[in-house]
Amino acid sequence: MVKLIMTWDIQEGREQAYIEFAVGEFSPALSALGLQIREVWYTQAGSGPEMVVAGVMPSREDARTLLASNEWQRLRDQLNEFVENVKIKVVKPKGPFQM
């Protein structure tokens, strides 16, 4: 099992459009690609990324396959219309909150 951790900041003035995309398309598409989203964190005050989204996949190879897929590239391109400072990493799960 591996954890895919994604972080980003929502672009100023794009919050509502981002929420509609995240709930209506991004999250369901990731689930269809095999990522089980387990955590969504929103930083309301302080430093650090505004959003942290983490999900699990059965293996590192499954995560690599997802990140190399055309569907992921399409989703990433759409996500970039609403966010900035995107970072993605694949790690061994070590508890409920990891960065």
PDB file of N, CA and C in Angstrom:
ATOM      1  N   MET A   1       0.848  -1.178   0.000  1.00  0.00           N
ATOM      2  CA  MET A   1       0.000   0.000   0.000  1.00  0.00           C
ATOM      3  C   MET A   1       0.895   1.243   0.000  1.00  0.00           C
ATOM      4  N   VAL A   2       0.509   2.243  -0.817  1.00  0.00           N
ATOM      5  CA  VAL A   2       1.218   3.527  -0.845  1.00  0.00           C
ATOM      6  C   VAL A   2       0.196   4.651  -0.707  1.00  0.00           C
ATOM      7  N   LYS A   3       0.707   5.778  -0.260  1.00  0.00           N
ATOM      8  CA  LYS A   3      -0.127   6.971  -0.126  1.00  0.00           C
ATOM      9  C   LYS A   3       0.331   7.996  -1.150  1.00  0.00           C
ATOM     10  N   LEU A   4      -0.615   8.543  -1.881  1.00  0.00           N
ATOM     11  CA  LEU A   4      -0.357   9.616  -2.841  1.00  0.00           C
ATOM     12  C   LEU A   4      -0.790  10.913  -2.164  1.00  0.00           C
ATOM     13  N   ILE A   5       0.158  11.825  -1.960  1.00  0.00           N
ATOM     14  CA  ILE A   5      -0.125  13.092  -1.288  1.00  0.00           C
ATOM     15  C   ILE A   5       0.006  14.223  -2.299  1.00  0.00           C
ATOM     16  N   MET A   6      -1.055  15.008  -2.419  1.00  0.00           N
ATOM     17  CA  MET A   6      -1.082  16.133  -3.347  1.00  0.00           C
ATOM     18  C   MET A   6      -1.347  17.411  -2.539  1.00  0.00           C
ATOM     19  N   THR A   7      -0.585  18.453  -2.832  1.00  0.00           N
ATOM     20  CA  THR A   7      -0.806  19.738  -2.167  1.00  0.00           C
ATOM     21  C   THR A   7      -0.864  20.840  -3.212  1.00  0.00           C
ATOM     22  N   TRP A   8      -1.616  21.909  -2.897  1.00  0.00           N
ATOM     23  CA  TRP A   8      -1.698  23.060  -3.781  1.00  0.00           C
ATOM     24  C   TRP A   8      -2.358  24.221  -3.061  1.00  0.00           C
ATOM     25  N   ASP A   9      -2.312  25.373  -3.713  1.00  0.00           N
ATOM     26  CA  ASP A   9      -2.992  26.583  -3.251  1.00  0.00           C
ATOM     27  C   ASP A   9      -4.025  26.956  -4.304  1.00  0.00           C
ATOM     28  N   ILE A  10      -5.204  27.347  -3.851  1.00  0.00           N
ATOM     29  CA  ILE A  10      -6.262  27.752  -4.770  1.00  0.00           C
ATOM     30  C   ILE A  10      -5.981  29.178  -5.247  1.00  0.00           C
ATOM     31  N   GLN A  11      -6.110  29.407  -6.545  1.00  0.00           N
ATOM     32  CA  GLN A  11      -5.882  30.739  -7.093  1.00  0.00           C
ATOM     33  C   GLN A  11      -6.927  31.719  -6.545  1.00  0.00           C
ATOM     34  N   GLU A  12      -6.479  32.915  -6.273  1.00  0.00           N
ATOM     35  CA  GLU A  12      -7.351  33.982  -5.781  1.00  0.00           C
ATOM     36  C   GLU A  12      -8.518  34.190  -6.749  1.00  0.00           C
ATOM     37  N   GLY A  13      -9.730  34.199  -6.215  1.00  0.00           N
ATOM     38  CA  GLY A  13     -10.913  34.436  -7.023  1.00  0.00           C
ATOM     39  C   GLY A  13     -11.446  33.207  -7.755  1.00  0.00           C
ATOM     40  N   ARG A  14     -10.784  32.049  -7.590  1.00  0.00           N
ATOM     41  CA  ARG A  14     -11.200  30.824  -8.286  1.00  0.00           C
ATOM     42  C   ARG A  14     -11.774  29.780  -7.321  1.00  0.00           C
ATOM     43  N   GLU A  15     -12.037  30.188  -6.080  1.00  0.00           N
ATOM     44  CA  GLU A  15     -12.450  29.248  -5.051  1.00  0.00           C
ATOM     45  C   GLU A  15     -13.725  28.480  -5.412  1.00  0.00           C
ATOM     46  N   GLN A  16     -14.768  29.165  -5.829  1.00  0.00           N
ATOM     47  CA  GLN A  16     -16.037  28.507  -6.134  1.00  0.00           C
ATOM     48  C   GLN A  16     -15.896  27.561  -7.324  1.00  0.00           C
ATOM     49  N   ALA A  17     -15.218  27.998  -8.361  1.00  0.00           N
ATOM     50  CA  ALA A  17     -15.003  27.143  -9.530  1.00  0.00           C
ATOM     51  C   ALA A  17     -14.168  25.924  -9.154  1.00  0.00           C
ATOM     52  N   TYR A  18     -13.169  26.128  -8.289  1.00  0.00           N
ATOM     53  CA  TYR A  18     -12.344  25.006  -7.828  1.00  0.00           C
ATOM     54  C   TYR A  18     -13.198  23.978  -7.083  1.00  0.00           C
ATOM     55  N   ILE A  19     -14.026  24.429  -6.164  1.00  0.00           N
ATOM     56  CA  ILE A  19     -14.864  23.515  -5.384  1.00  0.00           C
ATOM     57  C   ILE A  19     -15.779  22.711  -6.307  1.00  0.00           C
ATOM     58  N   GLU A  20     -16.386  23.375  -7.271  1.00  0.00           N
ATOM     59  CA  GLU A  20     -17.263  22.680  -8.211  1.00  0.00           C
ATOM     60  C   GLU A  20     -16.492  21.618  -8.997  1.00  0.00           C
ATOM     61  N   PHE A  21     -15.292  21.939  -9.449  1.00  0.00           N
ATOM     62  CA  PHE A  21     -14.464  20.985 -10.172  1.00  0.00           C
ATOM     63  C   PHE A  21     -14.015  19.843  -9.252  1.00  0.00           C
ATOM     64  N   ALA A  22     -13.545  20.184  -8.057  1.00  0.00           N
ATOM     65  CA  ALA A  22     -13.026  19.170  -7.141  1.00  0.00           C
ATOM     66  C   ALA A  22     -14.096  18.151  -6.760  1.00  0.00           C
ATOM     67  N   VAL A  23     -15.287  18.631  -6.447  1.00  0.00           N
ATOM     68  CA  VAL A  23     -16.369  17.745  -6.011  1.00  0.00           C
ATOM     69  C   VAL A  23     -17.043  17.054  -7.190  1.00  0.00           C
ATOM     70  N   GLY A  24     -17.254  17.781  -8.264  1.00  0.00           N
ATOM     71  CA  GLY A  24     -18.009  17.245  -9.388  1.00  0.00           C
ATOM     72  C   GLY A  24     -17.226  16.392 -10.355  1.00  0.00           C
ATOM     73  N   GLU A  25     -15.915  16.638 -10.473  1.00  0.00           N
ATOM     74  CA  GLU A  25     -15.143  15.899 -11.474  1.00  0.00           C
ATOM     75  C   GLU A  25     -13.854  15.288 -10.937  1.00  0.00           C
ATOM     76  N   PHE A  26     -13.025  16.068 -10.273  1.00  0.00           N
ATOM     77  CA  PHE A  26     -11.696  15.611  -9.863  1.00  0.00           C
ATOM     78  C   PHE A  26     -11.766  14.395  -8.935  1.00  0.00           C
ATOM     79  N   SER A  27     -12.488  14.533  -7.849  1.00  0.00           N
ATOM     80  CA  SER A  27     -12.581  13.443  -6.880  1.00  0.00           C
ATOM     81  C   SER A  27     -13.199  12.178  -7.473  1.00  0.00           C
ATOM     82  N   PRO A  28     -14.345  12.267  -8.161  1.00  0.00           N
ATOM     83  CA  PRO A  28     -14.903  11.044  -8.761  1.00  0.00           C
ATOM     84  C   PRO A  28     -13.970  10.403  -9.789  1.00  0.00           C
ATOM     85  N   ALA A  29     -13.265  11.209 -10.571  1.00  0.00           N
ATOM     86  CA  ALA A  29     -12.354  10.664 -11.578  1.00  0.00           C
ATOM     87  C   ALA A  29     -11.180   9.951 -10.921  1.00  0.00           C
ATOM     88  N   LEU A  30     -10.645  10.517  -9.835  1.00  0.00           N
ATOM     89  CA  LEU A  30      -9.547   9.848  -9.128  1.00  0.00           C
ATOM     90  C   LEU A  30     -10.007   8.517  -8.550  1.00  0.00           C
ATOM     91  N   SER A  31     -11.207   8.492  -8.013  1.00  0.00           N
ATOM     92  CA  SER A  31     -11.759   7.235  -7.489  1.00  0.00           C
ATOM     93  C   SER A  31     -11.887   6.201  -8.603  1.00  0.00           C
ATOM     94  N   ALA A  32     -12.351   6.633  -9.769  1.00  0.00           N
ATOM     95  CA  ALA A  32     -12.497   5.719 -10.905  1.00  0.00           C
ATOM     96  C   ALA A  32     -11.136   5.189 -11.372  1.00  0.00           C
ATOM     97  N   LEU A  33     -10.076   5.965 -11.144  1.00  0.00           N
ATOM     98  CA  LEU A  33      -8.724   5.545 -11.523  1.00  0.00           C
ATOM     99  C   LEU A  33      -8.065   4.671 -10.453  1.00  0.00           C
ATOM    100  N   GLY A  34      -8.770   4.425  -9.349  1.00  0.00           N
ATOM    101  CA  GLY A  34      -8.259   3.528  -8.316  1.00  0.00           C
ATOM    102  C   GLY A  34      -7.674   4.180  -7.088  1.00  0.00           C
ATOM    103  N   LEU A  35      -7.702   5.506  -7.010  1.00  0.00           N
ATOM    104  CA  LEU A  35      -7.195   6.193  -5.822  1.00  0.00           C
ATOM    105  C   LEU A  35      -8.324   6.317  -4.804  1.00  0.00           C
ATOM    106  N   GLN A  36      -8.112   5.758  -3.627  1.00  0.00           N
ATOM    107  CA  GLN A  36      -9.096   5.862  -2.551  1.00  0.00           C
ATOM    108  C   GLN A  36      -8.736   7.079  -1.701  1.00  0.00           C
ATOM    109  N   ILE A  37      -9.450   8.169  -1.897  1.00  0.00           N
ATOM    110  CA  ILE A  37      -9.150   9.388  -1.146  1.00  0.00           C
ATOM    111  C   ILE A  37      -9.548   9.170   0.312  1.00  0.00           C
ATOM    112  N   ARG A  38      -8.579   9.417   1.196  1.00  0.00           N
ATOM    113  CA  ARG A  38      -8.794   9.196   2.620  1.00  0.00           C
ATOM    114  C   ARG A  38      -8.779  10.484   3.431  1.00  0.00           C
ATOM    115  N   GLU A  39      -8.112  11.506   2.910  1.00  0.00           N
ATOM    116  CA  GLU A  39      -7.959  12.744   3.667  1.00  0.00           C
ATOM    117  C   GLU A  39      -8.039  13.943   2.741  1.00  0.00           C
ATOM    118  N   VAL A  40      -8.729  14.967   3.196  1.00  0.00           N
ATOM    119  CA  VAL A  40      -8.729  16.267   2.522  1.00  0.00           C
ATOM    120  C   VAL A  40      -8.608  17.299   3.633  1.00  0.00           C
ATOM    121  N   TRP A  41      -7.543  18.077   3.588  1.00  0.00           N
ATOM    122  CA  TRP A  41      -7.284  19.091   4.605  1.00  0.00           C
ATOM    123  C   TRP A  41      -7.244  20.464   3.945  1.00  0.00           C
ATOM    124  N   TYR A  42      -7.860  21.425   4.600  1.00  0.00           N
ATOM    125  CA  TYR A  42      -7.871  22.812   4.132  1.00  0.00           C
ATOM    126  C   TYR A  42      -7.208  23.665   5.198  1.00  0.00           C
ATOM    127  N   THR A  43      -6.174  24.404   4.824  1.00  0.00           N
ATOM    128  CA  THR A  43      -5.482  25.295   5.749  1.00  0.00           C
ATOM    129  C   THR A  43      -6.155  26.651   5.700  1.00  0.00           C
ATOM    130  N   GLN A  44      -6.805  27.001   6.789  1.00  0.00           N
ATOM    131  CA  GLN A  44      -7.550  28.253   6.832  1.00  0.00           C
ATOM    132  C   GLN A  44      -6.674  29.419   7.286  1.00  0.00           C
ATOM    133  N   ALA A  45      -5.687  29.135   8.117  1.00  0.00           N
ATOM    134  CA  ALA A  45      -4.799  30.190   8.612  1.00  0.00           C
ATOM    135  C   ALA A  45      -3.396  29.607   8.771  1.00  0.00           C
ATOM    136  N   GLY A  46      -2.402  30.458   8.639  1.00  0.00           N
ATOM    137  CA  GLY A  46      -1.033  30.014   8.808  1.00  0.00           C
ATOM    138  C   GLY A  46      -0.357  29.721   7.479  1.00  0.00           C
ATOM    139  N   SER A  47       0.828  29.140   7.568  1.00  0.00           N
ATOM    140  CA  SER A  47       1.601  28.864   6.364  1.00  0.00           C
ATOM    141  C   SER A  47       1.420  27.411   5.946  1.00  0.00           C
ATOM    142  N   GLY A  48       1.966  27.098   4.809  1.00  0.00           N
ATOM    143  CA  GLY A  48       1.845  25.747   4.266  1.00  0.00           C
ATOM    144  C   GLY A  48       0.870  25.739   3.116  1.00  0.00           C
ATOM    145  N   PRO A  49       0.728  24.595   2.462  1.00  0.00           N
ATOM    146  CA  PRO A  49      -0.203  24.536   1.337  1.00  0.00           C
ATOM    147  C   PRO A  49      -1.645  24.718   1.814  1.00  0.00           C
ATOM    148  N   GLU A  50      -2.437  25.355   0.983  1.00  0.00           N
ATOM    149  CA  GLU A  50      -3.841  25.589   1.326  1.00  0.00           C
ATOM    150  C   GLU A  50      -4.634  24.286   1.347  1.00  0.00           C
ATOM    151  N   MET A  51      -4.347  23.391   0.399  1.00  0.00           N
ATOM    152  CA  MET A  51      -5.047  22.111   0.307  1.00  0.00           C
ATOM    153  C   MET A  51      -4.055  20.954   0.386  1.00  0.00           C
ATOM    154  N   VAL A  52      -4.438  19.921   1.133  1.00  0.00           N
ATOM    155  CA  VAL A  52      -3.710  18.653   1.162  1.00  0.00           C
ATOM    156  C   VAL A  52      -4.743  17.573   0.896  1.00  0.00           C
ATOM    157  N   VAL A  53      -4.521  16.803  -0.156  1.00  0.00           N
ATOM    158  CA  VAL A  53      -5.412  15.702  -0.515  1.00  0.00           C
ATOM    159  C   VAL A  53      -4.556  14.438  -0.550  1.00  0.00           C
ATOM    160  N   ALA A  54      -4.981  13.415   0.189  1.00  0.00           N
ATOM    161  CA  ALA A  54      -4.209  12.176   0.251  1.00  0.00           C
ATOM    162  C   ALA A  54      -5.122  10.985   0.026  1.00  0.00           C
ATOM    163  N   GLY A  55      -4.601  10.030  -0.719  1.00  0.00           N
ATOM    164  CA  GLY A  55      -5.335   8.799  -0.973  1.00  0.00           C
ATOM    165  C   GLY A  55      -4.380   7.634  -1.032  1.00  0.00           C
ATOM    166  N   VAL A  56      -4.930   6.436  -1.016  1.00  0.00           N
ATOM    167  CA  VAL A  56      -4.095   5.247  -1.031  1.00  0.00           C
ATOM    168  C   VAL A  56      -4.361   4.418  -2.283  1.00  0.00           C
ATOM    169  N   MET A  57      -3.323   3.688  -2.651  1.00  0.00           N
ATOM    170  CA  MET A  57      -3.389   2.748  -3.772  1.00  0.00           C
ATOM    171  C   MET A  57      -2.680   1.475  -3.334  1.00  0.00           C
ATOM    172  N   PRO A  58      -2.998   0.369  -3.983  1.00  0.00           N
ATOM    173  CA  PRO A  58      -2.407  -0.905  -3.559  1.00  0.00           C
ATOM    174  C   PRO A  58      -0.877  -0.974  -3.659  1.00  0.00           C
ATOM    175  N   SER A  59      -0.283  -0.313  -4.659  1.00  0.00           N
ATOM    176  CA  SER A  59       1.162  -0.433  -4.845  1.00  0.00           C
ATOM    177  C   SER A  59       1.747   0.828  -5.468  1.00  0.00           C
ATOM    178  N   ARG A  60       3.066   0.929  -5.378  1.00  0.00           N
ATOM    179  CA  ARG A  60       3.784   2.042  -6.001  1.00  0.00           C
ATOM    180  C   ARG A  60       3.607   1.990  -7.524  1.00  0.00           C
ATOM    181  N   GLU A  61       3.580   0.794  -8.078  1.00  0.00           N
ATOM    182  CA  GLU A  61       3.379   0.641  -9.518  1.00  0.00           C
ATOM    183  C   GLU A  61       2.005   1.156  -9.940  1.00  0.00           C
ATOM    184  N   ASP A  62       0.977   0.889  -9.139  1.00  0.00           N
ATOM    185  CA  ASP A  62      -0.359   1.421  -9.429  1.00  0.00           C
ATOM    186  C   ASP A  62      -0.345   2.950  -9.422  1.00  0.00           C
ATOM    187  N   ALA A  63       0.372   3.541  -8.477  1.00  0.00           N
ATOM    188  CA  ALA A  63       0.466   4.999  -8.410  1.00  0.00           C
ATOM    189  C   ALA A  63       1.202   5.543  -9.632  1.00  0.00           C
ATOM    190  N   ARG A  64       2.277   4.888 -10.027  1.00  0.00           N
ATOM    191  CA  ARG A  64       3.019   5.317 -11.228  1.00  0.00           C
ATOM    192  C   ARG A  64       2.142   5.234 -12.469  1.00  0.00           C
ATOM    193  N   THR A  65       1.371   4.154 -12.567  1.00  0.00           N
ATOM    194  CA  THR A  65       0.474   3.984 -13.714  1.00  0.00           C
ATOM    195  C   THR A  65      -0.554   5.098 -13.751  1.00  0.00           C
ATOM    196  N   LEU A  66      -1.139   5.413 -12.607  1.00  0.00           N
ATOM    197  CA  LEU A  66      -2.115   6.508 -12.544  1.00  0.00           C
ATOM    198  C   LEU A  66      -1.481   7.817 -13.000  1.00  0.00           C
ATOM    199  N   LEU A  67      -0.307   8.143 -12.444  1.00  0.00           N
ATOM    200  CA  LEU A  67       0.338   9.426 -12.743  1.00  0.00           C
ATOM    201  C   LEU A  67       0.849   9.509 -14.182  1.00  0.00           C
ATOM    202  N   ALA A  68       1.002   8.378 -14.852  1.00  0.00           N
ATOM    203  CA  ALA A  68       1.449   8.368 -16.252  1.00  0.00           C
ATOM    204  C   ALA A  68       0.282   8.313 -17.233  1.00  0.00           C
ATOM    205  N   SER A  69      -0.937   8.196 -16.718  1.00  0.00           N
ATOM    206  CA  SER A  69      -2.093   8.003 -17.592  1.00  0.00           C
ATOM    207  C   SER A  69      -2.532   9.303 -18.279  1.00  0.00           C
ATOM    208  N   ASN A  70      -3.146   9.149 -19.434  1.00  0.00           N
ATOM    209  CA  ASN A  70      -3.708  10.293 -20.150  1.00  0.00           C
ATOM    210  C   ASN A  70      -4.823  10.947 -19.348  1.00  0.00           C
ATOM    211  N   GLU A  71      -5.621  10.142 -18.655  1.00  0.00           N
ATOM    212  CA  GLU A  71      -6.712  10.682 -17.832  1.00  0.00           C
ATOM    213  C   GLU A  71      -6.166  11.554 -16.708  1.00  0.00           C
ATOM    214  N   TRP A  72      -5.052  11.132 -16.061  1.00  0.00           N
ATOM    215  CA  TRP A  72      -4.436  11.955 -15.024  1.00  0.00           C
ATOM    216  C   TRP A  72      -3.937  13.272 -15.619  1.00  0.00           C
ATOM    217  N   GLN A  73      -3.313  13.209 -16.785  1.00  0.00           N
ATOM    218  CA  GLN A  73      -2.808  14.436 -17.412  1.00  0.00           C
ATOM    219  C   GLN A  73      -3.951  15.397 -17.702  1.00  0.00           C
ATOM    220  N   ARG A  74      -5.068  14.870 -18.183  1.00  0.00           N
ATOM    221  CA  ARG A  74      -6.242  15.702 -18.437  1.00  0.00           C
ATOM    222  C   ARG A  74      -6.747  16.335 -17.139  1.00  0.00           C
ATOM    223  N   LEU A  75      -6.838  15.541 -16.078  1.00  0.00           N
ATOM    224  CA  LEU A  75      -7.286  16.067 -14.781  1.00  0.00           C
ATOM    225  C   LEU A  75      -6.308  17.099 -14.236  1.00  0.00           C
ATOM    226  N   ARG A  76      -5.031  16.829 -14.369  1.00  0.00           N
ATOM    227  CA  ARG A  76      -4.000  17.760 -13.873  1.00  0.00           C
ATOM    228  C   ARG A  76      -4.071  19.089 -14.632  1.00  0.00           C
ATOM    229  N   ASP A  77      -4.277  19.018 -15.952  1.00  0.00           N
ATOM    230  CA  ASP A  77      -4.412  20.242 -16.736  1.00  0.00           C
ATOM    231  C   ASP A  77      -5.623  21.058 -16.274  1.00  0.00           C
ATOM    232  N   GLN A  78      -6.731  20.370 -16.014  1.00  0.00           N
ATOM    233  CA  GLN A  78      -7.925  21.073 -15.529  1.00  0.00           C
ATOM    234  C   GLN A  78      -7.688  21.639 -14.137  1.00  0.00           C
ATOM    235  N   LEU A  79      -7.060  20.861 -13.257  1.00  0.00           N
ATOM    236  CA  LEU A  79      -6.764  21.329 -11.904  1.00  0.00           C
ATOM    237  C   LEU A  79      -5.931  22.605 -11.948  1.00  0.00           C
ATOM    238  N   ASN A  80      -4.966  22.653 -12.864  1.00  0.00           N
ATOM    239  CA  ASN A  80      -4.085  23.817 -12.976  1.00  0.00           C
ATOM    240  C   ASN A  80      -4.826  25.096 -13.377  1.00  0.00           C
ATOM    241  N   GLU A  81      -6.058  24.975 -13.857  1.00  0.00           N
ATOM    242  CA  GLU A  81      -6.857  26.163 -14.155  1.00  0.00           C
ATOM    243  C   GLU A  81      -7.328  26.857 -12.883  1.00  0.00           C
ATOM    244  N   PHE A  82      -7.297  26.142 -11.749  1.00  0.00           N
ATOM    245  CA  PHE A  82      -7.845  26.656 -10.495  1.00  0.00           C
ATOM    246  C   PHE A  82      -6.822  26.801  -9.378  1.00  0.00           C
ATOM    247  N   VAL A  83      -5.666  26.130  -9.517  1.00  0.00           N
ATOM    248  CA  VAL A  83      -4.709  26.095  -8.410  1.00  0.00           C
ATOM    249  C   VAL A  83      -3.300  26.424  -8.899  1.00  0.00           C
ATOM    250  N   GLU A  84      -2.399  26.589  -7.923  1.00  0.00           N
ATOM    251  CA  GLU A  84      -0.985  26.822  -8.206  1.00  0.00           C
ATOM    252  C   GLU A  84      -0.156  26.126  -7.131  1.00  0.00           C
ATOM    253  N   ASN A  85       1.130  26.042  -7.348  1.00  0.00           N
ATOM    254  CA  ASN A  85       2.065  25.424  -6.393  1.00  0.00           C
ATOM    255  C   ASN A  85       1.728  23.955  -6.136  1.00  0.00           C
ATOM    256  N   VAL A  86       1.393  23.236  -7.191  1.00  0.00           N
ATOM    257  CA  VAL A  86       1.027  21.821  -7.060  1.00  0.00           C
ATOM    258  C   VAL A  86       2.275  20.985  -6.772  1.00  0.00           C
ATOM    259  N   LYS A  87       2.160  20.121  -5.771  1.00  0.00           N
ATOM    260  CA  LYS A  87       3.221  19.159  -5.452  1.00  0.00           C
ATOM    261  C   LYS A  87       2.558  17.807  -5.235  1.00  0.00           C
ATOM    262  N   ILE A  88       3.218  16.764  -5.735  1.00  0.00           N
ATOM    263  CA  ILE A  88       2.682  15.411  -5.628  1.00  0.00           C
ATOM    264  C   ILE A  88       3.814  14.482  -5.222  1.00  0.00           C
ATOM    265  N   LYS A  89       3.518  13.601  -4.261  1.00  0.00           N
ATOM    266  CA  LYS A  89       4.518  12.601  -3.911  1.00  0.00           C
ATOM    267  C   LYS A  89       3.833  11.307  -3.515  1.00  0.00           C
ATOM    268  N   VAL A  90       4.577  10.230  -3.680  1.00  0.00           N
ATOM    269  CA  VAL A  90       4.117   8.895  -3.321  1.00  0.00           C
ATOM    270  C   VAL A  90       4.998   8.428  -2.167  1.00  0.00           C
ATOM    271  N   VAL A  91       4.358   8.044  -1.048  1.00  0.00           N
ATOM    272  CA  VAL A  91       5.096   7.664   0.156  1.00  0.00           C
ATOM    273  C   VAL A  91       4.483   6.416   0.779  1.00  0.00           C
ATOM    274  N   LYS A  92       5.208   5.835   1.704  1.00  0.00           N
ATOM    275  CA  LYS A  92       4.684   4.739   2.504  1.00  0.00           C
ATOM    276  C   LYS A  92       3.771   5.359   3.574  1.00  0.00           C
ATOM    277  N   PRO A  93       2.549   4.844   3.750  1.00  0.00           N
ATOM    278  CA  PRO A  93       1.647   5.421   4.750  1.00  0.00           C
ATOM    279  C   PRO A  93       2.218   5.329   6.170  1.00  0.00           C
ATOM    280  N   LYS A  94       2.129   6.462   6.898  1.00  0.00           N
ATOM    281  CA  LYS A  94       2.662   6.516   8.280  1.00  0.00           C
ATOM    282  C   LYS A  94       1.669   7.174   9.226  1.00  0.00           C
ATOM    283  N   GLY A  95       0.402   7.030   8.987  1.00  0.00           N
ATOM    284  CA  GLY A  95      -0.572   7.635   9.896  1.00  0.00           C
ATOM    285  C   GLY A  95      -1.504   8.554   9.150  1.00  0.00           C
ATOM    286  N   PRO A  96      -2.428   9.173   9.889  1.00  0.00           N
ATOM    287  CA  PRO A  96      -3.495   9.933   9.236  1.00  0.00           C
ATOM    288  C   PRO A  96      -3.048  11.264   8.622  1.00  0.00           C
ATOM    289  N   PHE A  97      -1.988  11.884   9.092  1.00  0.00           N
ATOM    290  CA  PHE A  97      -1.574  13.166   8.516  1.00  0.00           C
ATOM    291  C   PHE A  97      -0.109  13.113   8.185  1.00  0.00           C
ATOM    292  N   GLN A  98       0.192  13.249   6.899  1.00  0.00           N
ATOM    293  CA  GLN A  98       1.571  13.261   6.400  1.00  0.00           C
ATOM    294  C   GLN A  98       1.714  14.390   5.404  1.00  0.00           C
ATOM    295  N   MET A  99       2.898  14.943   5.330  1.00  0.00           N
ATOM    296  CA  MET A  99       3.183  15.971   4.323  1.00  0.00           C
ATOM    297  C   MET A  99       4.351  15.542   3.491  1.00  0.00           C
TER     298      MET A  99
END
